[in-house]
Amino acid sequence: MNIAFFLLPKQEVICVTDNATFRQTLERMEHHRYTAVPVISERGEYRATVTEGDLLWFLKNRPELTFDQLHRVSLSEVPLRMNNRAVRIDADMEDLISLAKTQNFVPVVDDMNHFIGIVRRSDIIDYCANLLVPADKNKTKWMREA
C-alpha cells in the first residue's frame, strides 16, 4: 500500500494562497466549516497550514483591529503556531502515519514540493477500523459484549 491510496486530490481540497488576506482566509474556512486549511504558494508549493487558532491568537494580540479592517491584513502577517509538515507522495507509509498521529490531515507533495493533495487522519482510521470489524458483526462475541 502507498500514500496515493489515501490521497484526496488538490482539486477537492480547500486551500488558500499565501497572498490571501486574513478576511479571505477566515471567510473561506467559515464557508467550508474547516478549522485548518493548507496554504499554497502562487507556484503551487505547499507552504504551511493555517488554523482557526492562528487567526484567533492574531486577533487577541491585535485588539485595535476591527472586522472591517481584516481585508487589509495579509495572511503572511499571521504567525502560525503549528508546523504541519507535508509528506512526499513516494514516502513510506510509516512517514505518513507518524505525521497523521499529530495532524488532522497531512499535506502531500511531489518531488518538487508542489502540493498534490492531502491525506485525512480520519480516512486512515476508517481504513484501519474496516480491517478490524468483521463482515458479520452479530456473530462476533466481542462485539456483543461491547
Protein backbone atom coordinates (compact mmCIF):
# COMPACT_ATOMS: atom_id res chain seq x y z
CA MET A 1 0.00 0.00 0.00
CA ASN A 2 1.18 3.52 -0.68
CA ILE A 3 0.19 7.07 0.20
CA ALA A 4 -1.72 7.56 -3.06
CA PHE A 5 -4.35 5.08 -1.80
CA PHE A 6 -5.48 7.67 0.78
CA LEU A 7 -4.88 10.83 -1.27
CA LEU A 8 -7.64 13.41 -1.57
CA PRO A 9 -6.50 15.28 -4.73
CA LYS A 10 -5.86 19.02 -4.61
CA GLN A 11 -8.91 19.71 -6.79
CA GLU A 12 -11.06 18.52 -3.87
CA VAL A 13 -9.11 20.31 -1.13
CA ILE A 14 -9.98 23.76 0.17
CA CYS A 15 -6.79 25.84 0.29
CA VAL A 16 -5.70 29.45 0.50
CA THR A 17 -2.77 31.08 -1.23
CA ASP A 18 0.00 32.70 0.74
CA ASN A 19 -1.05 36.11 -0.61
CA ALA A 20 -4.63 35.81 0.71
CA THR A 21 -5.90 38.27 3.27
CA PHE A 22 -6.90 37.43 6.80
CA ARG A 23 -10.55 38.05 5.93
CA GLN A 24 -10.46 35.88 2.79
CA THR A 25 -8.93 33.06 4.82
CA LEU A 26 -11.43 33.40 7.64
CA GLU A 27 -14.42 33.52 5.28
CA ARG A 28 -13.19 30.53 3.28
CA MET A 29 -12.71 28.47 6.42
CA GLU A 30 -16.13 29.52 7.74
CA HIS A 31 -17.89 28.78 4.46
CA HIS A 32 -16.46 25.27 4.23
CA ARG A 33 -16.60 24.72 8.01
CA TYR A 34 -12.92 23.80 8.33
CA THR A 35 -10.71 24.51 11.31
CA ALA A 36 -7.48 24.32 9.29
CA VAL A 37 -6.52 24.66 5.62
CA PRO A 38 -3.29 24.31 3.65
CA VAL A 39 -1.51 27.46 2.48
CA ILE A 40 -0.16 27.18 -1.06
CA SER A 41 2.21 29.49 -2.95
CA GLU A 42 1.31 31.02 -6.29
CA ARG A 43 3.61 28.39 -7.87
CA GLY A 44 1.63 25.61 -6.23
CA GLU A 45 4.10 24.73 -3.48
CA TYR A 46 2.90 23.76 -0.02
CA ARG A 47 3.86 26.49 2.45
CA ALA A 48 2.06 25.80 5.73
CA THR A 49 -1.27 25.11 7.37
CA VAL A 50 -3.30 27.92 8.92
CA THR A 51 -5.70 27.12 11.76
CA GLU A 52 -8.60 28.88 13.45
CA GLY A 53 -6.35 29.13 16.49
CA ASP A 54 -3.75 31.05 14.48
CA LEU A 55 -6.41 33.54 13.41
CA LEU A 56 -7.86 33.87 16.92
CA TRP A 57 -4.46 34.38 18.58
CA PHE A 58 -3.63 37.04 15.99
CA LEU A 59 -6.89 38.89 16.76
CA LYS A 60 -6.32 38.58 20.51
CA ASN A 61 -2.91 40.18 20.16
CA ARG A 62 -4.19 42.96 17.87
CA PRO A 63 -7.20 44.44 19.74
CA GLU A 64 -7.07 47.59 17.63
CA LEU A 65 -8.19 45.64 14.54
CA THR A 66 -11.86 45.61 13.62
CA PHE A 67 -13.56 43.09 11.38
CA ASP A 68 -13.85 45.73 8.66
CA GLN A 69 -10.05 46.12 8.64
CA LEU A 70 -9.24 42.43 8.19
CA HIS A 71 -9.22 42.65 4.40
CA ARG A 72 -6.07 44.80 4.74
CA VAL A 73 -4.18 42.22 6.78
CA SER A 74 -2.15 39.73 4.78
CA LEU A 75 -2.20 36.11 5.84
CA SER A 76 1.60 36.28 5.82
CA GLU A 77 1.38 38.62 8.85
CA VAL A 78 -0.32 35.90 10.92
CA PRO A 79 2.11 33.81 12.97
CA LEU A 80 1.41 30.11 12.53
CA ARG A 81 1.64 28.25 15.81
CA MET A 82 1.81 24.71 14.40
CA ASN A 83 4.31 23.32 11.94
CA ASN A 84 2.16 20.88 9.97
CA ARG A 85 4.65 19.01 7.85
CA ALA A 86 3.99 17.56 4.42
CA VAL A 87 4.90 14.11 3.19
CA ARG A 88 6.16 13.26 -0.28
CA ILE A 89 3.92 11.04 -2.37
CA ASP A 90 6.72 8.45 -2.63
CA ALA A 91 7.42 8.34 1.12
CA ASP A 92 6.91 5.25 3.25
CA MET A 93 3.55 4.68 4.92
CA GLU A 94 5.36 4.91 8.27
CA ASP A 95 6.18 8.55 7.49
CA LEU A 96 2.52 9.26 6.77
CA ILE A 97 1.32 7.53 9.94
CA SER A 98 3.89 9.35 12.04
CA LEU A 99 2.62 12.73 10.84
CA ALA A 100 -1.05 11.74 10.98
CA LYS A 101 -0.72 10.99 14.69
CA THR A 102 -0.32 14.71 15.40
CA GLN A 103 -2.03 16.36 12.41
CA ASN A 104 -5.70 16.14 11.37
CA PHE A 105 -4.53 15.99 7.79
CA VAL A 106 -1.18 15.53 6.12
CA PRO A 107 -0.38 17.62 3.05
CA VAL A 108 1.13 15.58 0.23
CA VAL A 109 3.69 17.00 -2.20
CA ASP A 110 5.56 15.75 -5.23
CA ASP A 111 9.35 15.72 -5.62
CA MET A 112 9.30 19.46 -6.47
CA ASN A 113 7.30 20.32 -3.29
CA HIS A 114 4.19 21.02 -5.38
CA PHE A 115 1.03 20.43 -3.39
CA ILE A 116 -0.92 17.47 -4.81
CA GLY A 117 -3.48 16.85 -2.07
CA ILE A 118 -3.98 15.72 1.49
CA VAL A 119 -4.46 12.56 3.48
CA ARG A 120 -7.04 12.95 6.23
CA ARG A 121 -6.33 11.22 9.52
CA SER A 122 -9.99 10.14 9.61
CA ASP A 123 -9.55 8.23 6.34
CA ILE A 124 -6.62 6.30 7.80
CA ILE A 125 -8.63 5.49 10.93
CA ASP A 126 -11.66 4.42 8.85
CA TYR A 127 -9.45 2.10 6.81
CA CYS A 128 -7.99 0.52 9.95
CA ALA A 129 -11.43 0.21 11.55
CA ASN A 130 -12.73 -1.62 8.48
CA LEU A 131 -9.88 -4.11 8.83
CA LEU A 132 -10.85 -4.77 12.44
CA VAL A 133 -14.62 -5.06 12.07
CA PRO A 134 -15.72 -8.48 10.81
CA ALA A 135 -18.16 -8.77 7.93
CA ASP A 136 -20.90 -10.19 10.18
CA LYS A 137 -20.88 -8.14 13.38
CA ASN A 138 -23.62 -10.25 15.02
CA LYS A 139 -21.54 -13.44 15.10
CA THR A 140 -18.61 -11.92 16.96
CA LYS A 141 -18.60 -12.34 20.71
CA TRP A 142 -16.53 -9.24 21.47
CA MET A 143 -18.99 -7.13 19.51
CA ARG A 144 -21.97 -8.44 21.52
CA GLU A 145 -20.21 -7.73 24.79
CA ALA A 146 -19.41 -4.15 23.85
